[in-house]
Amino acid sequence: MFNKEELLRFLLKSRTKTYAGSAGEVKPLIKNSKQLEYSEDDWFYRDIYYVGNGIFIGNETVSFKNELIWAMSYYGNFKNMIEEEIDNILKEALIENWETTRIWEDVDWEKGEYRYICKPHLNGSIENLTGSERIMKNGEEIYYFFYAGGVIKEVVK
């Protein structure tokens, strides 16, 4: 089986090398979507999402040796701010907390007028996770994000 610690390290690294690091954008497979990718050895990460009118929805996947092994779907709303503002604060929060397993551990990060909160909805792990993120600006919620996912298939290493 693949090593779940390797999966976790690869997932966290992939996120910093793509969305949080403003890199990895490729031509999207699906019209009007954005697609980010990162690969390393036998590992491959893909994030496909859509943004429109302050609403976004997407799916992250990780493959090992060309077998899909992990996925997470998400939905969010940033109608109370512009996309550039949310991107700047969210990327900074993710980069500064990149080593945390924020998708199943609490994160509470503040900078200036912003507060980023990630709250799992159960005691999860890389295998089974669900939760939400919020960003507050001067105490007012300006962004929320819901996610759920986990390991889909265990493959022989």
N, C-alpha and C. Protein backbone atom coordinates (compact mmCIF):
# COMPACT_ATOMS: atom_id res chain seq x y z
N MET A 1 0.84 -1.18 0.00
CA MET A 1 0.00 0.00 0.00
C MET A 1 0.89 1.25 0.00
N PHE A 2 0.35 2.35 -0.49
CA PHE A 2 1.10 3.60 -0.41
C PHE A 2 1.16 4.03 1.05
N ASN A 3 2.13 4.82 1.36
CA ASN A 3 2.34 5.31 2.70
C ASN A 3 1.49 6.57 2.89
N LYS A 4 0.60 6.58 3.89
CA LYS A 4 -0.28 7.73 4.11
C LYS A 4 0.49 8.97 4.54
N GLU A 5 1.63 8.79 5.19
CA GLU A 5 2.47 9.95 5.54
C GLU A 5 3.05 10.58 4.27
N GLU A 6 3.42 9.76 3.30
CA GLU A 6 3.90 10.29 2.02
C GLU A 6 2.78 11.03 1.30
N LEU A 7 1.58 10.48 1.34
CA LEU A 7 0.43 11.14 0.74
C LEU A 7 0.22 12.51 1.37
N LEU A 8 0.24 12.57 2.68
CA LEU A 8 0.05 13.83 3.38
C LEU A 8 1.14 14.84 3.01
N ARG A 9 2.40 14.43 3.05
CA ARG A 9 3.50 15.34 2.69
C ARG A 9 3.34 15.84 1.25
N PHE A 10 2.98 14.93 0.34
CA PHE A 10 2.80 15.33 -1.05
C PHE A 10 1.63 16.31 -1.20
N LEU A 11 0.52 16.04 -0.54
CA LEU A 11 -0.64 16.93 -0.62
C LEU A 11 -0.30 18.33 -0.10
N LEU A 12 0.32 18.41 1.07
CA LEU A 12 0.68 19.71 1.63
C LEU A 12 1.66 20.46 0.72
N LYS A 13 2.64 19.76 0.19
CA LYS A 13 3.60 20.37 -0.72
C LYS A 13 2.92 20.84 -2.00
N SER A 14 2.01 20.02 -2.54
CA SER A 14 1.30 20.37 -3.77
C SER A 14 0.52 21.66 -3.62
N ARG A 15 -0.12 21.82 -2.50
CA ARG A 15 -0.91 23.04 -2.26
C ARG A 15 -0.02 24.28 -2.22
N THR A 16 1.17 24.15 -1.65
CA THR A 16 2.07 25.31 -1.63
C THR A 16 2.68 25.58 -2.99
N LYS A 17 2.81 24.54 -3.80
CA LYS A 17 3.39 24.69 -5.14
C LYS A 17 2.36 25.13 -6.18
N THR A 18 1.06 25.10 -5.83
CA THR A 18 0.03 25.46 -6.81
C THR A 18 -0.71 26.71 -6.33
N TYR A 19 -1.90 26.57 -5.78
CA TYR A 19 -2.71 27.73 -5.41
C TYR A 19 -1.98 28.69 -4.48
N ALA A 20 -1.51 28.20 -3.35
CA ALA A 20 -0.87 29.08 -2.37
C ALA A 20 0.39 29.73 -2.93
N GLY A 21 1.09 29.04 -3.82
CA GLY A 21 2.31 29.57 -4.42
C GLY A 21 2.10 30.26 -5.75
N SER A 22 0.84 30.40 -6.15
CA SER A 22 0.49 31.07 -7.42
C SER A 22 1.21 30.43 -8.61
N ALA A 23 1.20 29.10 -8.66
CA ALA A 23 1.90 28.40 -9.75
C ALA A 23 1.10 27.14 -10.13
N GLY A 24 1.58 26.47 -11.14
CA GLY A 24 1.01 25.19 -11.54
C GLY A 24 -0.21 25.27 -12.43
N GLU A 25 -0.56 26.48 -12.92
CA GLU A 25 -1.75 26.58 -13.77
C GLU A 25 -1.47 25.99 -15.14
N VAL A 26 -2.39 25.15 -15.59
CA VAL A 26 -2.30 24.51 -16.90
C VAL A 26 -3.60 24.78 -17.66
N LYS A 27 -3.60 24.44 -18.95
CA LYS A 27 -4.83 24.59 -19.74
C LYS A 27 -5.88 23.65 -19.15
N PRO A 28 -7.05 24.19 -18.80
CA PRO A 28 -8.05 23.36 -18.14
C PRO A 28 -8.68 22.32 -19.06
N LEU A 29 -8.98 21.16 -18.48
CA LEU A 29 -9.67 20.10 -19.21
C LEU A 29 -11.12 20.47 -19.47
N ILE A 30 -11.70 21.28 -18.57
CA ILE A 30 -13.11 21.64 -18.65
C ILE A 30 -13.21 23.15 -18.90
N LYS A 31 -13.97 23.52 -19.91
CA LYS A 31 -14.13 24.92 -20.31
C LYS A 31 -14.58 25.80 -19.13
N ASN A 32 -13.99 26.98 -19.05
CA ASN A 32 -14.30 28.00 -18.03
C ASN A 32 -13.87 27.62 -16.62
N SER A 33 -13.07 26.60 -16.47
CA SER A 33 -12.55 26.25 -15.15
C SER A 33 -11.11 26.73 -15.05
N LYS A 34 -10.57 26.65 -13.84
CA LYS A 34 -9.14 26.87 -13.62
C LYS A 34 -8.59 25.52 -13.18
N GLN A 35 -7.37 25.23 -13.62
CA GLN A 35 -6.78 23.93 -13.29
C GLN A 35 -5.34 24.12 -12.88
N LEU A 36 -4.99 23.55 -11.74
CA LEU A 36 -3.64 23.59 -11.20
C LEU A 36 -3.13 22.17 -11.06
N GLU A 37 -1.85 21.96 -11.40
CA GLU A 37 -1.28 20.62 -11.30
C GLU A 37 0.14 20.68 -10.75
N TYR A 38 0.51 19.59 -10.10
CA TYR A 38 1.87 19.43 -9.58
C TYR A 38 2.16 17.93 -9.56
N SER A 39 3.37 17.55 -9.97
CA SER A 39 3.75 16.14 -9.91
C SER A 39 5.16 16.00 -9.38
N GLU A 40 5.39 14.83 -8.81
CA GLU A 40 6.71 14.51 -8.24
C GLU A 40 6.81 12.99 -8.17
N ASP A 41 7.78 12.44 -8.87
CA ASP A 41 7.96 10.99 -8.91
C ASP A 41 6.66 10.31 -9.35
N ASP A 42 6.12 9.39 -8.53
CA ASP A 42 4.90 8.66 -8.88
C ASP A 42 3.62 9.39 -8.46
N TRP A 43 3.75 10.58 -7.89
CA TRP A 43 2.62 11.32 -7.34
C TRP A 43 2.16 12.40 -8.33
N PHE A 44 0.82 12.62 -8.38
CA PHE A 44 0.25 13.65 -9.24
C PHE A 44 -0.93 14.31 -8.52
N TYR A 45 -0.93 15.64 -8.49
CA TYR A 45 -1.98 16.43 -7.84
C TYR A 45 -2.69 17.28 -8.89
N ARG A 46 -4.01 17.37 -8.78
CA ARG A 46 -4.79 18.23 -9.68
C ARG A 46 -5.89 18.91 -8.86
N ASP A 47 -6.06 20.21 -9.11
CA ASP A 47 -7.13 21.00 -8.51
C ASP A 47 -7.87 21.68 -9.65
N ILE A 48 -9.15 21.37 -9.82
CA ILE A 48 -9.97 21.99 -10.85
C ILE A 48 -11.10 22.73 -10.13
N TYR A 49 -11.26 24.01 -10.48
CA TYR A 49 -12.32 24.78 -9.83
C TYR A 49 -12.90 25.83 -10.76
N TYR A 50 -14.09 26.31 -10.37
CA TYR A 50 -14.83 27.32 -11.11
C TYR A 50 -15.11 28.48 -10.18
N VAL A 51 -15.03 29.70 -10.71
CA VAL A 51 -15.32 30.90 -9.93
C VAL A 51 -16.31 31.74 -10.72
N GLY A 52 -17.34 32.20 -10.04
CA GLY A 52 -18.30 33.08 -10.69
C GLY A 52 -19.16 33.81 -9.67
N ASN A 53 -19.22 35.12 -9.77
CA ASN A 53 -20.07 35.94 -8.89
C ASN A 53 -19.80 35.71 -7.40
N GLY A 54 -18.56 35.52 -7.04
CA GLY A 54 -18.20 35.34 -5.64
C GLY A 54 -18.42 33.95 -5.10
N ILE A 55 -18.82 33.02 -5.94
CA ILE A 55 -19.03 31.63 -5.54
C ILE A 55 -17.97 30.78 -6.25
N PHE A 56 -17.45 29.78 -5.57
CA PHE A 56 -16.52 28.86 -6.22
C PHE A 56 -16.79 27.44 -5.76
N ILE A 57 -16.45 26.50 -6.63
CA ILE A 57 -16.64 25.08 -6.33
C ILE A 57 -15.52 24.32 -7.03
N GLY A 58 -15.01 23.27 -6.40
CA GLY A 58 -13.92 22.55 -7.02
C GLY A 58 -13.67 21.18 -6.44
N ASN A 59 -12.60 20.58 -6.96
CA ASN A 59 -12.23 19.23 -6.57
C ASN A 59 -10.72 19.08 -6.66
N GLU A 60 -10.12 18.60 -5.59
CA GLU A 60 -8.69 18.28 -5.57
C GLU A 60 -8.57 16.77 -5.65
N THR A 61 -7.57 16.29 -6.39
CA THR A 61 -7.31 14.86 -6.45
C THR A 61 -5.82 14.59 -6.35
N VAL A 62 -5.49 13.42 -5.82
CA VAL A 62 -4.11 12.94 -5.79
C VAL A 62 -4.10 11.54 -6.36
N SER A 63 -3.19 11.31 -7.29
CA SER A 63 -2.99 9.98 -7.87
C SER A 63 -1.60 9.49 -7.50
N PHE A 64 -1.49 8.18 -7.36
CA PHE A 64 -0.20 7.52 -7.11
C PHE A 64 -0.06 6.43 -8.16
N LYS A 65 1.01 6.48 -8.94
CA LYS A 65 1.24 5.53 -10.02
C LYS A 65 0.00 5.43 -10.93
N ASN A 66 -0.52 6.60 -11.29
CA ASN A 66 -1.67 6.72 -12.20
C ASN A 66 -2.97 6.14 -11.66
N GLU A 67 -3.07 5.91 -10.37
CA GLU A 67 -4.31 5.44 -9.74
C GLU A 67 -4.81 6.56 -8.82
N LEU A 68 -6.06 6.98 -9.00
CA LEU A 68 -6.65 7.98 -8.12
C LEU A 68 -6.79 7.38 -6.72
N ILE A 69 -6.19 8.06 -5.72
CA ILE A 69 -6.22 7.50 -4.37
C ILE A 69 -6.86 8.41 -3.34
N TRP A 70 -6.94 9.72 -3.64
CA TRP A 70 -7.48 10.67 -2.66
C TRP A 70 -8.20 11.78 -3.40
N ALA A 71 -9.29 12.28 -2.83
CA ALA A 71 -10.01 13.41 -3.44
C ALA A 71 -10.73 14.19 -2.35
N MET A 72 -10.92 15.48 -2.64
CA MET A 72 -11.66 16.36 -1.75
C MET A 72 -12.45 17.34 -2.61
N SER A 73 -13.74 17.47 -2.33
CA SER A 73 -14.58 18.45 -3.00
C SER A 73 -14.77 19.65 -2.08
N TYR A 74 -15.00 20.82 -2.68
CA TYR A 74 -15.19 22.01 -1.86
C TYR A 74 -16.12 23.02 -2.53
N TYR A 75 -16.68 23.90 -1.69
CA TYR A 75 -17.60 24.94 -2.12
C TYR A 75 -17.36 26.15 -1.23
N GLY A 76 -17.34 27.33 -1.81
CA GLY A 76 -17.12 28.52 -1.01
C GLY A 76 -17.80 29.76 -1.56
N ASN A 77 -17.76 30.82 -0.74
CA ASN A 77 -18.41 32.08 -1.07
C ASN A 77 -17.53 33.22 -0.55
N PHE A 78 -17.22 34.16 -1.43
CA PHE A 78 -16.48 35.35 -1.02
C PHE A 78 -17.16 36.61 -1.57
N LYS A 79 -18.49 36.60 -1.57
CA LYS A 79 -19.26 37.70 -2.15
C LYS A 79 -19.01 39.05 -1.47
N ASN A 80 -18.52 39.04 -0.24
CA ASN A 80 -18.31 40.28 0.49
C ASN A 80 -16.92 40.88 0.26
N MET A 81 -16.22 40.40 -0.75
CA MET A 81 -14.90 40.94 -1.05
C MET A 81 -14.56 40.63 -2.50
N ILE A 82 -13.49 41.24 -3.00
CA ILE A 82 -13.07 40.94 -4.37
C ILE A 82 -12.12 39.74 -4.36
N GLU A 83 -12.05 39.05 -5.49
CA GLU A 83 -11.26 37.82 -5.59
C GLU A 83 -9.79 38.05 -5.24
N GLU A 84 -9.23 39.16 -5.67
CA GLU A 84 -7.82 39.45 -5.38
C GLU A 84 -7.58 39.56 -3.87
N GLU A 85 -8.50 40.20 -3.15
CA GLU A 85 -8.35 40.34 -1.70
C GLU A 85 -8.39 38.98 -1.02
N ILE A 86 -9.37 38.14 -1.39
CA ILE A 86 -9.46 36.82 -0.77
C ILE A 86 -8.24 35.98 -1.12
N ASP A 87 -7.79 36.04 -2.37
CA ASP A 87 -6.60 35.28 -2.76
C ASP A 87 -5.39 35.69 -1.94
N ASN A 88 -5.17 36.99 -1.78
CA ASN A 88 -4.00 37.47 -1.04
C ASN A 88 -4.00 37.00 0.40
N ILE A 89 -5.10 37.15 1.10
CA ILE A 89 -5.13 36.77 2.51
C ILE A 89 -5.13 35.26 2.69
N LEU A 90 -5.88 34.55 1.83
CA LEU A 90 -5.94 33.10 1.95
C LEU A 90 -4.58 32.47 1.63
N LYS A 91 -3.93 32.94 0.59
CA LYS A 91 -2.61 32.39 0.24
C LYS A 91 -1.61 32.63 1.36
N GLU A 92 -1.65 33.80 1.96
CA GLU A 92 -0.73 34.10 3.06
C GLU A 92 -1.01 33.19 4.26
N ALA A 93 -2.27 32.98 4.59
CA ALA A 93 -2.63 32.09 5.70
C ALA A 93 -2.19 30.66 5.41
N LEU A 94 -2.37 30.21 4.16
CA LEU A 94 -1.99 28.84 3.80
C LEU A 94 -0.48 28.65 3.81
N ILE A 95 0.26 29.62 3.27
CA ILE A 95 1.73 29.52 3.25
C ILE A 95 2.27 29.52 4.67
N GLU A 96 1.77 30.40 5.53
CA GLU A 96 2.28 30.47 6.91
C GLU A 96 1.89 29.24 7.73
N ASN A 97 0.88 28.51 7.30
CA ASN A 97 0.42 27.32 8.02
C ASN A 97 0.53 26.06 7.18
N TRP A 98 1.42 26.05 6.20
CA TRP A 98 1.46 24.96 5.22
C TRP A 98 1.75 23.60 5.85
N GLU A 99 2.48 23.55 6.94
CA GLU A 99 2.81 22.26 7.54
C GLU A 99 1.70 21.71 8.41
N THR A 100 0.68 22.51 8.70
CA THR A 100 -0.42 22.01 9.51
C THR A 100 -1.33 21.15 8.64
N THR A 101 -1.96 20.23 9.25
CA THR A 101 -2.94 19.42 8.55
C THR A 101 -4.29 20.08 8.76
N ARG A 102 -4.41 21.31 8.27
CA ARG A 102 -5.56 22.17 8.54
C ARG A 102 -6.88 21.55 8.14
N ILE A 103 -6.88 20.59 7.26
CA ILE A 103 -8.15 20.02 6.84
C ILE A 103 -8.76 19.10 7.89
N TRP A 104 -8.00 18.72 8.91
CA TRP A 104 -8.60 17.98 10.02
C TRP A 104 -8.08 18.41 11.39
N GLU A 105 -7.39 19.53 11.44
CA GLU A 105 -6.96 20.12 12.71
C GLU A 105 -7.37 21.59 12.72
N ASP A 106 -7.68 22.11 13.90
CA ASP A 106 -8.04 23.52 14.03
C ASP A 106 -6.86 24.42 13.68
N VAL A 107 -7.15 25.49 12.95
CA VAL A 107 -6.16 26.54 12.69
C VAL A 107 -6.86 27.86 12.95
N ASP A 108 -6.20 28.74 13.70
CA ASP A 108 -6.72 30.08 13.97
C ASP A 108 -5.55 31.03 13.79
N TRP A 109 -5.56 31.79 12.71
CA TRP A 109 -4.44 32.64 12.30
C TRP A 109 -4.94 34.07 12.11
N GLU A 110 -4.18 35.02 12.60
CA GLU A 110 -4.57 36.42 12.46
C GLU A 110 -3.44 37.25 11.88
N LYS A 111 -3.83 38.23 11.07
CA LYS A 111 -2.87 39.20 10.55
C LYS A 111 -3.63 40.49 10.30
N GLY A 112 -3.24 41.53 11.01
CA GLY A 112 -3.91 42.82 10.86
C GLY A 112 -5.40 42.71 11.12
N GLU A 113 -6.20 43.14 10.15
CA GLU A 113 -7.66 43.12 10.31
C GLU A 113 -8.29 41.78 9.95
N TYR A 114 -7.49 40.80 9.55
CA TYR A 114 -8.00 39.51 9.08
C TYR A 114 -7.79 38.40 10.11
N ARG A 115 -8.73 37.47 10.12
CA ARG A 115 -8.62 36.27 10.94
C ARG A 115 -9.08 35.09 10.09
N TYR A 116 -8.22 34.09 9.97
CA TYR A 116 -8.51 32.86 9.23
C TYR A 116 -8.75 31.75 10.24
N ILE A 117 -9.86 31.04 10.07
CA ILE A 117 -10.23 29.96 10.98
C ILE A 117 -10.56 28.72 10.15
N CYS A 118 -9.92 27.60 10.46
CA CYS A 118 -10.25 26.32 9.84
C CYS A 118 -10.72 25.40 10.95
N LYS A 119 -11.88 24.83 10.77
CA LYS A 119 -12.49 24.00 11.81
C LYS A 119 -13.00 22.70 11.22
N PRO A 120 -12.36 21.58 11.55
CA PRO A 120 -12.88 20.29 11.10
C PRO A 120 -14.22 19.99 11.78
N HIS A 121 -15.08 19.27 11.09
CA HIS A 121 -16.38 18.93 11.65
C HIS A 121 -16.37 17.55 12.31
N LEU A 122 -15.27 16.84 12.23
CA LEU A 122 -15.12 15.57 12.92
C LEU A 122 -13.64 15.33 13.17
N ASN A 123 -13.33 14.36 13.99
CA ASN A 123 -11.94 13.98 14.23
C ASN A 123 -11.47 13.18 13.04
N GLY A 124 -11.02 13.85 12.02
CA GLY A 124 -10.67 13.18 10.79
C GLY A 124 -9.19 12.91 10.64
N SER A 125 -8.86 12.51 9.44
CA SER A 125 -7.49 12.23 9.06
C SER A 125 -7.42 12.36 7.56
N ILE A 126 -6.29 12.05 6.97
CA ILE A 126 -6.14 12.08 5.53
C ILE A 126 -7.14 11.11 4.88
N GLU A 127 -7.59 10.11 5.65
CA GLU A 127 -8.50 9.10 5.14
C GLU A 127 -9.96 9.55 5.10
N ASN A 128 -10.35 10.45 6.01
CA ASN A 128 -11.75 10.84 6.13
C ASN A 128 -11.81 12.23 6.74
N LEU A 129 -12.27 13.22 5.98
CA LEU A 129 -12.26 14.58 6.50
C LEU A 129 -13.46 15.38 6.01
N THR A 130 -13.87 16.31 6.84
CA THR A 130 -14.91 17.26 6.50
C THR A 130 -14.76 18.46 7.42
N GLY A 131 -15.07 19.64 6.92
CA GLY A 131 -14.93 20.82 7.76
C GLY A 131 -15.22 22.10 7.01
N SER A 132 -14.79 23.22 7.62
CA SER A 132 -15.04 24.52 7.02
C SER A 132 -13.91 25.48 7.35
N GLU A 133 -13.79 26.49 6.50
CA GLU A 133 -12.87 27.60 6.70
C GLU A 133 -13.69 28.88 6.68
N ARG A 134 -13.20 29.87 7.41
CA ARG A 134 -13.83 31.19 7.39
C ARG A 134 -12.73 32.24 7.43
N ILE A 135 -12.99 33.37 6.83
CA ILE A 135 -12.12 34.52 6.98
C ILE A 135 -12.99 35.67 7.46
N MET A 136 -12.52 36.29 8.52
CA MET A 136 -13.18 37.45 9.10
C MET A 136 -12.33 38.68 8.81
N LYS A 137 -12.99 39.80 8.57
CA LYS A 137 -12.30 41.09 8.40
C LYS A 137 -12.96 42.05 9.38
N ASN A 138 -12.16 42.51 10.34
CA ASN A 138 -12.68 43.37 11.41
C ASN A 138 -13.90 42.76 12.08
N GLY A 139 -13.85 41.44 12.30
CA GLY A 139 -14.91 40.73 13.01
C GLY A 139 -16.10 40.32 12.15
N GLU A 140 -16.14 40.70 10.87
CA GLU A 140 -17.25 40.36 9.98
C GLU A 140 -16.81 39.25 9.03
N GLU A 141 -17.64 38.21 8.89
CA GLU A 141 -17.31 37.12 7.98
C GLU A 141 -17.39 37.60 6.54
N ILE A 142 -16.28 37.40 5.80
CA ILE A 142 -16.23 37.82 4.40
C ILE A 142 -16.00 36.65 3.45
N TYR A 143 -15.78 35.46 4.01
CA TYR A 143 -15.46 34.28 3.20
C TYR A 143 -15.80 33.04 3.99
N TYR A 144 -16.40 32.06 3.32
CA TYR A 144 -16.55 30.74 3.93
C TYR A 144 -16.31 29.67 2.87
N PHE A 145 -15.97 28.47 3.35
CA PHE A 145 -15.51 27.38 2.50
C PHE A 145 -15.84 26.08 3.20
N PHE A 146 -16.52 25.16 2.52
CA PHE A 146 -16.84 23.85 3.08
C PHE A 146 -16.12 22.78 2.26
N TYR A 147 -15.66 21.73 2.92
CA TYR A 147 -14.93 20.67 2.22
C TYR A 147 -15.25 19.30 2.81
N ALA A 148 -15.05 18.28 1.98
CA ALA A 148 -15.21 16.89 2.42
C ALA A 148 -14.42 16.00 1.47
N GLY A 149 -13.81 14.95 2.00
CA GLY A 149 -13.07 14.04 1.15
C GLY A 149 -12.33 12.99 1.93
N GLY A 150 -11.39 12.34 1.25
CA GLY A 150 -10.58 11.33 1.90
C GLY A 150 -9.98 10.35 0.92
N VAL A 151 -9.37 9.30 1.46
CA VAL A 151 -8.75 8.27 0.66
C VAL A 151 -9.85 7.49 -0.07
N ILE A 152 -9.67 7.31 -1.36
CA ILE A 152 -10.63 6.59 -2.19
C ILE A 152 -10.21 5.15 -2.37
N LYS A 153 -8.93 4.96 -2.63
CA LYS A 153 -8.44 3.62 -2.95
C LYS A 153 -7.01 3.49 -2.46
N GLU A 154 -6.72 2.39 -1.85
CA GLU A 154 -5.34 2.12 -1.45
C GLU A 154 -4.74 1.21 -2.51
N VAL A 155 -3.57 1.61 -3.01
CA VAL A 155 -2.92 0.85 -4.06
C VAL A 155 -1.58 0.33 -3.57
N VAL A 156 -1.12 -0.71 -4.22
CA VAL A 156 0.17 -1.30 -3.87
C VAL A 156 1.27 -0.36 -4.31
N LYS A 157 2.23 -0.14 -3.44
CA LYS A 157 3.34 0.77 -3.72
C LYS A 157 4.33 0.14 -4.65
